[in-house]
Protein backbone atom coordinates (compact mmCIF):
# COMPACT_ATOMS: atom_id res chain seq x y z
CA MET A 1 11.01 -4.26 -30.31
CA ALA A 2 11.80 -7.35 -28.87
CA ALA A 3 12.07 -5.99 -25.52
CA ARG A 4 8.46 -4.35 -25.58
CA LYS A 5 7.25 -7.73 -26.62
CA ALA A 6 8.54 -9.26 -24.01
CA LYS A 7 7.26 -6.94 -21.75
CA ARG A 8 3.53 -7.41 -23.18
CA ALA A 9 3.94 -11.44 -22.89
CA SER A 10 5.15 -10.92 -18.56
CA SER A 11 1.94 -8.96 -18.05
CA VAL A 12 -0.70 -10.76 -16.20
CA ALA A 13 -4.36 -9.50 -15.74
CA VAL A 14 -7.30 -10.47 -13.07
CA ILE A 15 -10.86 -10.42 -14.15
CA ASP A 16 -12.46 -10.32 -10.51
CA ILE A 17 -16.42 -11.27 -10.63
CA GLY A 18 -17.32 -9.63 -7.18
CA SER A 19 -20.70 -9.17 -5.64
CA ASN A 20 -20.80 -5.43 -6.08
CA SER A 21 -18.31 -4.51 -8.79
CA VAL A 22 -16.83 -6.38 -11.83
CA ARG A 23 -13.18 -5.49 -12.17
CA LEU A 24 -10.14 -5.13 -14.49
CA VAL A 25 -6.86 -5.01 -13.39
CA VAL A 26 -3.97 -5.85 -15.31
CA TYR A 27 -0.35 -5.78 -13.81
CA GLU A 28 3.09 -5.09 -15.56
CA SER A 29 4.31 -8.50 -14.53
CA LEU A 30 3.99 -11.40 -11.81
CA ALA A 31 6.80 -9.77 -9.00
CA ARG A 32 6.94 -8.87 -5.31
CA SER A 33 6.18 -5.74 -5.69
CA LEU A 34 3.03 -5.26 -8.34
CA VAL A 35 2.95 -2.52 -10.90
CA THR A 36 -0.46 -1.82 -12.12
CA LEU A 37 -0.79 -1.11 -16.08
CA PHE A 38 -4.65 -0.80 -15.59
CA ASN A 39 -7.47 -0.50 -13.65
CA GLU A 40 -11.36 -0.60 -14.31
CA LYS A 41 -14.21 -1.52 -12.52
CA ALA A 42 -18.15 -1.62 -13.12
CA LEU A 43 -20.66 -1.22 -10.01
CA CYS A 44 -23.23 -3.94 -11.64
CA GLY A 45 -24.44 -4.97 -8.10
CA LEU A 46 -24.72 -8.83 -8.89
CA GLY A 47 -25.56 -9.72 -5.19
CA ARG A 48 -27.85 -7.07 -4.30
CA GLU A 49 -31.09 -9.77 -4.35
CA VAL A 50 -28.92 -13.36 -3.49
CA GLN A 51 -30.17 -13.17 0.37
CA SER A 52 -34.09 -12.54 -0.77
CA THR A 53 -34.63 -14.25 -3.78
CA GLY A 54 -31.58 -16.97 -4.03
CA LEU A 55 -30.74 -15.41 -7.47
CA LEU A 56 -28.59 -13.04 -9.50
CA ALA A 57 -30.63 -9.75 -10.53
CA PRO A 58 -31.57 -10.28 -14.05
CA ASP A 59 -30.12 -6.54 -14.88
CA ALA A 60 -27.17 -6.77 -13.12
CA VAL A 61 -26.33 -10.19 -14.78
CA THR A 62 -26.65 -8.02 -17.95
CA LYS A 63 -24.38 -5.15 -16.54
CA ALA A 64 -21.57 -7.86 -15.68
CA LEU A 65 -21.32 -9.88 -18.98
CA THR A 66 -21.29 -6.51 -20.88
CA ALA A 67 -18.42 -5.38 -18.77
CA LEU A 68 -16.68 -8.62 -19.37
CA ARG A 69 -17.09 -8.58 -22.92
CA ARG A 70 -15.05 -4.86 -22.86
CA PHE A 71 -12.43 -6.58 -20.54
CA ARG A 72 -11.75 -9.63 -22.39
CA ALA A 73 -11.52 -6.67 -25.61
CA LEU A 74 -9.37 -4.52 -23.31
CA CYS A 75 -6.75 -7.83 -22.68
CA ARG A 76 -6.51 -8.75 -26.44
CA VAL A 77 -5.92 -4.66 -26.90
CA MET A 78 -2.94 -4.51 -24.30
CA LYS A 79 -1.81 -7.94 -25.40
CA VAL A 80 -1.84 -9.36 -21.46
CA GLY A 81 0.27 -12.56 -21.24
CA ARG A 82 -2.15 -14.21 -19.02
CA VAL A 83 -5.54 -13.73 -17.40
CA HIS A 84 -6.82 -14.95 -14.20
CA ALA A 85 -10.57 -14.95 -13.58
CA ILE A 86 -12.57 -15.19 -9.99
CA ALA A 87 -15.90 -15.12 -8.84
CA THR A 88 -16.75 -14.33 -4.58
CA ALA A 89 -20.06 -14.90 -2.96
CA ALA A 90 -22.66 -14.01 -4.78
CA CYS A 91 -21.42 -16.22 -7.57
CA ARG A 92 -21.18 -19.23 -5.44
CA ASP A 93 -24.80 -18.48 -3.49
CA ALA A 94 -27.17 -17.53 -5.94
CA SER A 95 -28.59 -20.75 -7.20
CA ASN A 96 -28.38 -19.32 -11.25
CA GLY A 97 -24.41 -18.82 -10.58
CA PRO A 98 -23.62 -21.78 -12.60
CA GLU A 99 -25.37 -20.89 -15.21
CA PHE A 100 -23.66 -17.29 -15.21
CA ILE A 101 -20.55 -18.56 -14.40
CA ALA A 102 -20.94 -20.55 -17.87
CA LYS A 103 -21.62 -17.50 -19.89
CA ALA A 104 -19.00 -15.33 -18.35
CA THR A 105 -16.36 -18.53 -18.83
CA ARG A 106 -17.13 -18.43 -22.42
CA ILE A 107 -16.97 -14.55 -22.72
CA CYS A 108 -13.67 -14.35 -20.88
CA GLY A 109 -12.09 -17.34 -22.50
CA VAL A 110 -9.94 -18.57 -19.55
CA PRO A 111 -11.61 -20.91 -16.48
CA ILE A 112 -13.21 -18.88 -13.43
CA ASP A 113 -12.44 -19.96 -10.28
CA VAL A 114 -15.53 -19.25 -8.01
CA LEU A 115 -13.82 -19.36 -4.81
CA SER A 116 -15.06 -20.56 -1.14
CA GLY A 117 -15.09 -18.10 1.77
CA LYS A 118 -12.59 -19.97 3.28
CA ARG A 119 -10.18 -19.62 0.25
CA GLU A 120 -11.30 -16.09 -0.11
CA ALA A 121 -10.35 -15.27 3.17
CA MET A 122 -7.03 -16.81 2.83
CA LEU A 123 -6.35 -14.88 -0.25
CA SER A 124 -7.48 -11.41 0.94
CA ALA A 125 -4.89 -12.34 4.05
CA LEU A 126 -2.34 -13.09 1.55
CA GLY A 127 -2.80 -9.78 0.20
CA VAL A 128 -2.43 -7.93 3.02
CA ALA A 129 0.81 -9.80 3.98
CA SER A 130 2.48 -8.90 0.26
CA GLY A 131 1.32 -5.35 1.01
CA VAL A 132 1.68 -4.70 4.88
CA TYR A 133 5.02 -4.83 6.47
CA GLN A 134 5.23 -7.42 9.34
CA PRO A 135 1.00 -7.19 9.56
CA ASP A 136 -0.08 -8.78 12.92
CA GLY A 137 -3.96 -8.74 13.49
CA ILE A 138 -7.08 -9.59 11.95
CA VAL A 139 -8.21 -8.99 8.50
CA GLY A 140 -11.38 -8.13 7.41
CA ASP A 141 -12.66 -8.03 3.74
CA LEU A 142 -15.97 -6.93 3.27
CA GLY A 143 -17.43 -7.27 -0.23
CA GLY A 144 -20.92 -6.67 -1.33
CA GLY A 145 -22.37 -10.28 -0.84
CA SER A 146 -19.69 -11.63 2.16
CA LEU A 147 -17.56 -10.40 5.47
CA GLU A 148 -14.13 -12.67 5.18
CA LEU A 149 -11.79 -12.64 8.61
CA ILE A 150 -8.63 -14.24 9.11
CA ASP A 151 -5.73 -14.02 11.54
CA VAL A 152 -2.57 -13.03 10.20
CA HIS A 153 0.64 -12.91 11.88
CA GLY A 154 3.64 -11.91 9.40
CA SER A 155 3.24 -14.22 6.74
CA ARG A 156 1.25 -16.61 9.38
CA LEU A 157 -2.33 -17.14 8.57
CA ARG A 158 -4.76 -19.08 10.27
CA LYS A 159 -7.98 -20.86 9.09
CA GLY A 160 -10.61 -18.13 8.53
CA VAL A 161 -14.04 -17.60 8.47
CA THR A 162 -16.70 -16.17 6.49
CA LEU A 163 -20.18 -14.26 6.77
CA PRO A 164 -23.04 -13.00 4.60
CA LEU A 165 -22.55 -9.43 6.17
CA GLY A 166 -21.60 -8.14 2.89
CA SER A 167 -22.93 -4.53 2.08
CA LEU A 168 -25.58 -5.52 -0.65
CA ALA A 169 -26.09 -8.49 1.52
CA LEU A 170 -27.03 -6.71 4.80
CA GLN A 171 -29.41 -4.59 2.37
CA ASP A 172 -31.22 -7.19 1.12
CA ALA A 173 -31.67 -9.20 4.10
CA SER A 174 -32.60 -6.53 6.45
CA GLN A 175 -35.14 -5.05 3.58
CA LYS A 176 -33.04 -1.72 3.70
CA SER A 177 -33.81 -1.25 7.42
CA LEU A 178 -30.85 -0.36 9.23
CA LYS A 179 -32.30 -1.49 12.73
CA LYS A 180 -33.11 -4.90 11.42
CA ALA A 181 -29.61 -4.80 9.63
CA GLU A 182 -28.03 -4.00 13.04
CA ARG A 183 -29.54 -7.11 14.78
CA ILE A 184 -28.40 -9.36 12.07
CA VAL A 185 -24.66 -8.16 12.48
CA LYS A 186 -24.67 -8.06 16.18
CA LEU A 187 -26.19 -11.74 15.96
CA ALA A 188 -23.50 -12.67 13.69
CA LEU A 189 -20.61 -11.37 15.12
CA THR A 190 -21.10 -11.46 19.11
CA PRO A 191 -20.29 -15.15 19.69
CA LEU A 192 -17.35 -15.30 16.86
CA ALA A 193 -14.27 -16.40 18.16
CA GLU A 194 -12.39 -15.08 15.36
CA LEU A 195 -13.06 -11.58 16.14
CA LYS A 196 -11.46 -12.31 20.07
CA GLY A 197 -8.02 -12.48 18.94
CA ALA A 198 -8.23 -8.52 17.60
CA GLY A 199 -7.81 -7.06 21.41
CA GLY A 200 -4.80 -4.83 21.38
CA ARG A 201 -3.87 -5.44 17.70
CA ASN A 202 -4.24 -4.16 14.20
CA PHE A 203 -7.73 -4.84 12.44
CA TYR A 204 -6.91 -4.59 8.36
CA ALA A 205 -9.59 -3.34 6.45
CA VAL A 206 -9.97 -4.50 2.96
CA GLY A 207 -12.98 -3.73 0.50
CA GLY A 208 -14.26 -0.85 -1.55
CA THR A 209 -17.22 0.40 0.69
CA TRP A 210 -14.25 0.53 3.78
CA ARG A 211 -11.95 2.53 1.20
CA ALA A 212 -14.88 4.72 0.92
CA LEU A 213 -15.50 5.28 4.54
CA ALA A 214 -11.37 5.82 5.10
CA ARG A 215 -11.67 8.77 1.56
CA LEU A 216 -14.50 10.51 3.96
CA HIS A 217 -12.16 10.06 6.99
CA ILE A 218 -9.26 11.84 5.15
CA ILE A 219 -11.16 14.84 4.18
CA GLN A 220 -13.09 15.26 7.71
CA ARG A 221 -9.65 15.20 9.09
CA GLY A 222 -7.84 17.43 6.45
CA TYR A 223 -5.40 14.57 6.86
CA PRO A 224 -2.19 15.59 4.31
CA LEU A 225 -1.79 12.00 2.16
CA HIS A 226 -4.33 11.20 0.21
CA VAL A 227 -3.14 7.61 -0.02
CA MET A 228 -5.73 4.97 1.09
CA HIS A 229 -2.96 2.11 1.28
CA GLY A 230 -1.75 1.97 4.73
CA TYR A 231 -4.15 4.87 6.26
CA GLU A 232 -4.42 4.50 10.19
CA ILE A 233 -7.36 5.34 12.29
CA PRO A 234 -7.09 4.72 16.16
CA ALA A 235 -10.16 2.25 16.87
CA GLY A 236 -11.91 4.99 19.53
CA GLU A 237 -11.48 7.48 16.64
CA ALA A 238 -13.27 4.95 14.10
CA LEU A 239 -15.96 4.22 16.43
CA ALA A 240 -16.84 8.00 16.76
CA PHE A 241 -16.30 8.41 13.14
CA VAL A 242 -18.75 4.95 12.19
CA ARG A 243 -21.40 5.99 14.32
CA ARG A 244 -21.54 9.76 12.87
CA VAL A 245 -21.84 8.08 9.34
CA ARG A 246 -24.70 6.01 10.54
CA ARG A 247 -26.46 8.76 11.44
CA LEU A 248 -26.27 10.91 8.64
CA ALA A 249 -27.14 7.69 6.45
CA ALA A 250 -30.31 7.40 8.72
CA ALA A 251 -30.97 11.15 8.19
CA ASN A 252 -30.23 11.06 4.53
CA THR A 253 -27.35 13.73 4.79
CA LEU A 254 -24.29 11.88 4.00
CA ALA A 255 -23.04 13.76 0.96
CA SER A 256 -22.78 16.36 3.36
CA ILE A 257 -19.60 15.24 4.69
CA GLY A 258 -17.57 14.39 1.55
CA ASP A 259 -17.51 13.31 -2.10
CA VAL A 260 -18.79 9.91 -1.90
CA ALA A 261 -20.06 8.38 -5.66
CA ASP A 262 -23.68 7.68 -5.80
CA ALA A 263 -23.54 3.92 -6.01
CA ARG A 264 -21.61 3.82 -2.50
CA GLN A 265 -23.58 6.41 -0.55
CA PRO A 266 -26.43 3.54 0.20
CA LEU A 267 -24.11 0.93 0.99
CA LEU A 268 -21.76 3.19 3.59
CA ALA A 269 -24.01 2.65 6.54
CA TYR A 270 -23.87 -1.19 6.51
CA ALA A 271 -20.16 -1.37 5.90
CA ALA A 272 -19.97 1.22 8.86
CA LEU A 273 -21.99 -0.70 10.82
CA VAL A 274 -20.32 -3.87 10.53
CA LEU A 275 -17.00 -2.05 11.19
CA GLU A 276 -18.51 -0.72 14.65
CA TYR A 277 -19.26 -3.95 15.73
CA ILE A 278 -15.92 -5.33 14.73
CA ILE A 279 -14.29 -2.57 17.00
CA ARG A 280 -16.92 -2.81 19.50
CA ILE A 281 -16.67 -6.82 20.19
CA GLY A 282 -12.68 -7.13 18.97
CA GLN A 283 -11.37 -4.25 20.66
CA PRO A 284 -8.52 -3.46 18.56
CA LYS A 285 -5.60 -0.84 18.68
CA ALA A 286 -5.99 0.73 15.31
CA ILE A 287 -7.94 0.12 12.22
CA VAL A 288 -5.37 0.04 8.96
CA PHE A 289 -6.65 0.50 5.39
CA SER A 290 -5.43 -2.18 2.90
CA THR A 291 -6.02 -1.60 -0.89
CA TYR A 292 -4.28 -5.15 -1.38
CA GLY A 293 -6.56 -8.03 -1.11
CA VAL A 294 -7.63 -11.14 -2.44
CA ARG A 295 -6.38 -10.20 -6.43
CA GLU A 296 -2.81 -9.25 -4.94
CA GLY A 297 -3.07 -12.20 -2.79
CA LEU A 298 -3.87 -14.80 -5.55
CA LEU A 299 -0.87 -13.24 -7.77
CA HIS A 300 1.47 -13.43 -4.18
CA GLU A 301 0.44 -17.25 -3.57
CA MET A 302 1.48 -18.19 -7.71
CA LEU A 303 4.91 -16.34 -7.06
CA PRO A 304 8.12 -19.06 -5.87
CA PRO A 305 8.95 -19.05 -2.20
CA LYS A 306 11.78 -17.53 -2.78
CA GLU A 307 10.17 -14.39 -4.06
CA ARG A 308 7.22 -14.41 -1.84
CA ALA A 309 9.92 -14.02 0.76
CA LYS A 310 11.49 -10.72 -0.46
CA ASP A 311 10.62 -7.27 1.08
CA GLY A 312 7.66 -5.83 -0.94
CA LEU A 313 9.05 -2.16 -0.77
CA VAL A 314 12.67 -3.12 -1.03
CA CYS A 315 11.99 -4.52 -4.34
CA ALA A 316 9.52 -1.72 -5.08
CA ALA A 317 12.66 0.57 -4.65
CA GLN A 318 14.88 -1.40 -6.60
CA THR A 319 12.51 -1.16 -9.35
CA LEU A 320 12.40 2.72 -9.33
CA ASN A 321 16.10 2.59 -9.04
CA LYS A 322 16.93 1.06 -12.10
CA LEU A 323 14.30 2.82 -14.19
CA LEU A 324 14.61 6.40 -12.84
CA SER A 325 18.58 6.69 -11.36
CA ARG A 326 21.74 7.75 -13.15
CA SER A 327 23.22 4.32 -12.25
CA SER A 328 21.23 1.38 -10.05
CA ARG A 329 24.49 0.70 -8.85
CA HIS A 330 25.50 3.33 -7.65
CA ALA A 331 22.60 3.64 -5.04
CA GLU A 332 23.52 0.12 -4.11
CA GLU A 333 26.89 1.71 -2.85
CA LEU A 334 25.07 3.87 -1.26
CA VAL A 335 23.77 1.52 1.25
CA ALA A 336 26.87 0.02 1.85
CA TRP A 337 28.54 3.38 2.18
CA THR A 338 25.82 5.01 4.82
CA ASP A 339 26.19 1.53 6.38
CA ARG A 340 29.42 2.40 7.35
CA PHE A 341 28.86 5.77 8.29
CA PHE A 342 26.12 4.83 10.91
CA ARG A 343 28.21 2.25 12.21
CA ILE A 344 31.51 4.12 12.50
CA ALA A 345 29.59 7.61 13.78
CA GLN A 346 27.66 5.08 16.20
CA ILE A 347 24.19 6.34 15.32
CA LYS A 348 21.72 3.65 16.92
CA GLU A 349 18.70 2.53 14.60
CA THR A 350 16.55 -0.28 14.82
CA PRO A 351 15.88 -3.21 11.91
CA ALA A 352 12.95 -1.23 10.69
CA GLU A 353 14.80 2.09 10.72
CA ARG A 354 17.98 0.69 8.69
CA ARG A 355 15.59 -0.59 6.43
CA LEU A 356 13.35 2.83 5.50
CA ARG A 357 17.15 3.85 4.85
CA HIS A 358 18.57 1.51 2.38
CA VAL A 359 15.13 2.25 0.77
CA ALA A 360 15.94 5.94 1.19
CA CYS A 361 19.33 5.02 -0.66
CA LEU A 362 18.02 3.41 -3.32
CA LEU A 363 15.69 6.34 -4.17
CA SER A 364 18.14 9.10 -3.77
CA ASP A 365 18.79 9.78 -7.84
CA ILE A 366 15.00 9.41 -8.93
CA GLY A 367 14.71 12.95 -9.40
CA TRP A 368 17.43 13.94 -11.15
CA ARG A 369 16.08 14.90 -14.78
CA VAL A 370 13.79 17.27 -13.10
CA HIS A 371 14.63 20.70 -13.02
CA PRO A 372 16.95 21.87 -9.87
CA ASP A 373 14.61 24.33 -8.45
CA TYR A 374 11.77 21.60 -8.17
CA ARG A 375 13.64 18.34 -7.80
CA GLY A 376 13.19 18.36 -3.75
CA GLU A 377 9.30 19.01 -4.22
CA GLN A 378 8.64 16.69 -7.38
CA THR A 379 10.69 13.54 -5.14
CA LEU A 380 8.43 14.37 -2.33
CA ASN A 381 5.61 14.18 -4.21
CA LEU A 382 6.38 10.85 -6.02
CA ILE A 383 7.59 9.09 -2.69
CA CYS A 384 4.85 10.31 -0.78
CA ASN A 385 2.02 9.31 -3.03
CA GLY A 386 4.06 6.13 -4.85
CA ASN A 387 1.88 3.19 -6.24
CA PHE A 388 3.35 0.52 -3.50
CA GLY A 389 3.11 -1.48 -0.26
CA ALA A 390 4.43 -2.84 2.48
CA VAL A 391 5.32 1.08 4.27
CA SER A 392 3.33 2.96 6.72
CA HIS A 393 2.68 6.62 5.88
CA GLU A 394 5.09 7.45 8.23
CA GLY A 395 7.79 5.25 6.38
CA ARG A 396 6.74 7.04 3.01
CA ALA A 397 7.51 10.49 4.53
CA PHE A 398 10.43 9.46 6.16
CA VAL A 399 11.96 7.97 3.26
CA ALA A 400 9.94 11.19 0.87
CA LEU A 401 11.81 13.78 3.32
CA SER A 402 15.33 11.93 3.62
CA VAL A 403 15.55 12.40 -0.39
CA TYR A 404 14.22 15.98 -0.15
CA PHE A 405 16.80 17.09 1.94
CA ARG A 406 19.36 15.75 -0.35
CA TYR A 407 17.96 17.52 -3.23
CA ALA A 408 16.41 20.88 -1.23
CA GLY A 409 19.31 21.11 1.09
CA LEU A 410 19.21 22.07 4.96
CA LYS A 411 18.94 25.78 4.97
CA ASP A 412 15.49 27.00 6.95
CA GLU A 413 13.80 28.49 3.99
CA ASN A 414 13.74 25.07 2.31
CA GLU A 415 12.03 23.52 4.96
CA PRO A 416 9.57 20.78 3.49
CA PRO A 417 6.00 21.21 3.95
CA GLN A 418 4.20 21.25 7.23
CA SER A 419 1.73 19.01 6.29
CA VAL A 420 5.06 16.44 5.24
CA ARG A 421 6.61 17.28 8.43
CA SER A 422 3.60 16.41 10.27
CA LEU A 423 3.37 12.90 9.71
CA VAL A 424 6.62 11.97 11.05
CA SER A 425 7.60 12.13 14.92
CA PRO A 426 10.45 15.03 15.60
CA ALA A 427 13.34 12.20 16.25
CA MET A 428 12.43 10.66 12.56
CA LEU A 429 12.69 14.29 11.23
CA GLU A 430 15.51 14.74 12.42
CA ARG A 431 17.00 11.23 11.28
CA ALA A 432 15.56 12.11 8.35
CA ARG A 433 17.84 15.18 7.82
CA ILE A 434 21.05 13.39 9.03
CA LEU A 435 20.68 11.29 6.32
CA GLY A 436 19.90 13.81 3.64
CA ALA A 437 22.84 15.43 4.35
CA ALA A 438 24.92 12.11 4.18
CA PHE A 439 23.33 11.62 0.49
CA ARG A 440 24.22 15.41 0.07
CA VAL A 441 28.03 14.78 0.73
CA ALA A 442 27.85 11.06 -0.89
CA HIS A 443 26.20 12.56 -4.41
CA LEU A 444 28.75 15.63 -4.17
CA ILE A 445 31.87 13.07 -3.98
CA SER A 446 30.71 10.49 -6.93
CA ALA A 447 28.64 12.70 -9.27
CA ALA A 448 26.32 9.20 -8.91
CA ARG A 449 29.00 6.97 -10.58
CA PRO A 450 29.61 3.90 -9.45
CA GLY A 451 32.94 2.65 -8.04
CA VAL A 452 33.69 5.49 -5.96
CA LEU A 453 32.21 5.65 -2.67
CA PRO A 454 33.31 2.37 -2.13
CA ALA A 455 37.48 4.08 -2.11
CA THR A 456 35.89 6.81 0.57
CA HIS A 457 36.20 5.28 4.40
CA PHE A 458 35.10 6.48 7.98
CA ARG A 459 37.37 7.08 11.05
CA SER A 460 36.24 8.39 14.55
CA LYS A 461 38.88 9.66 16.87
CA GLY A 462 37.40 11.21 19.80
CA ARG A 463 34.43 13.42 18.86
CA LYS A 464 36.16 13.85 15.34
CA LEU A 465 34.86 12.16 12.07
CA ILE A 466 37.45 11.37 9.44
CA LEU A 467 36.44 10.83 5.50
CA ILE A 468 39.40 9.25 4.14
CA PHE A 469 39.84 9.41 0.40
CA GLU A 470 42.12 6.97 -1.22
CA HIS A 471 45.15 7.83 -3.39
CA ARG A 472 43.43 7.39 -6.97
CA LEU A 473 40.82 9.79 -5.74
CA VAL A 474 42.88 12.71 -4.12
CA ASP A 475 41.66 15.22 -6.72
CA LEU A 476 38.28 14.67 -5.81
CA VAL A 477 38.39 16.35 -2.47
CA ALA A 478 37.59 20.17 -2.43
CA ASP A 479 36.61 22.91 0.30
CA ARG A 480 32.91 22.10 -1.04
CA VAL A 481 33.16 18.56 -0.41
CA GLY A 482 34.95 19.08 3.13
CA ASN A 483 31.77 21.67 4.20
CA ARG A 484 29.18 19.40 3.37
CA PHE A 485 31.13 16.76 5.64
CA LYS A 486 31.37 19.53 8.64
CA GLN A 487 27.42 19.85 8.08
CA LEU A 488 26.87 16.44 8.49
CA THR A 489 28.99 16.08 11.19
CA ARG A 490 27.41 18.52 12.99
CA LEU A 491 24.12 17.42 12.81
CA ILE A 492 25.19 14.38 14.87
CA GLY A 493 26.91 16.94 17.56
CA ARG A 494 30.74 15.75 16.05
CA SER A 495 33.41 17.64 14.50
CA GLY A 496 34.07 16.23 10.88
CA SER A 497 37.39 16.53 8.58
CA ILE A 498 38.67 14.83 5.14
CA VAL A 499 42.24 13.09 4.81
CA ARG A 500 43.66 11.81 1.48
CA LYS A 501 45.37 8.26 1.89
């Protein structure tokens, strides 16, 4: 009971009052790797008339205040420890914004931070930096009321800029004319210095309407992994796609290419238009979609510097290891054990490849409660579709395949689905097979108990790899262990044997 109360007290929520949607997201705790407990949005359209009238629409205000009452009640029901509230373009630009914020503050019971455009850009970039591994490029956060652009390289951020090019704002300013909207976008983006630095780098697309475009592209492409975060499209392919979206929108046939929420459909053409000109002017190499943005950036900023510096993917894997593995310490020992194996076997790897290997070690036992016949399949799906960031789709697939091979084995009839194999290169697939084979040896030796693997050692003698057991473990030596070790060494073109010390 005390643990449950402490967990509730550590939870944190963000109420995000945007120009198009009003959203509540509740996270398990303020941590380097955020875990979402609850997520709900209401499409209110607060900013749909701000450009033409200077006001938040009365019916939109009513919808937003009703949503906020529900969100506040949900926070009470969930006993959320801390609630933070922010508001963006529509509330800062509308003349009746302060009046709305005053009412909203009384409902929410907490101060509402009306973000400036530059601060919104900075928080969005912080969110991307927290959820993308070593980002390098331009972050673009497209909301209903504005577009924020900011350069990010690792954890280093440059000064951002905000423009009134949000989907609702464009629709309003152009009087629902795509031709007028195009002139507005072209005029605003062409001279923009912030886009000049995008050449040959990534463009990180943040915002619900751009995510809807990514969802359409995934459906059209038949892409096997329906995870928005980290989904990547080469710039040339993205340019052709957004132009097609614009044509279909002009012909009112957009619904023919995928399932899009009715409230989003009218805005997709404007989002596609903005992205088209960003690609044409900035010349990025790829568009990478991020579900991490302002909310995550706000919480990331609150972490102590030491926590912010941690690897988000590793933190997520450590959490899952503690929750789902038989022994979290054994997984940590497996990291060191595979370090020794890769070093003695002289298997070269980059720092990025080593990072993914360590993550796979931490997740190598999370499927033990599943029926043995389905452990490979279930863990493959869990890791591929896991709600965590700081990893590419290729990285997800590599980790998932490594753990799959640990459970399913290496026989041809147990090959993983082609849909997942297609996400990695042939070299990465082979590396995942080798790592899975190493897991099969290690878990057979130790039964996933801590204190065992540190008492086994590797030695290289010519083309032979030797696995040495310390005297206290000699009774663990068996033909099955020897056979699996030989299977592992054959994968790297070596022979193998076991020795009792």
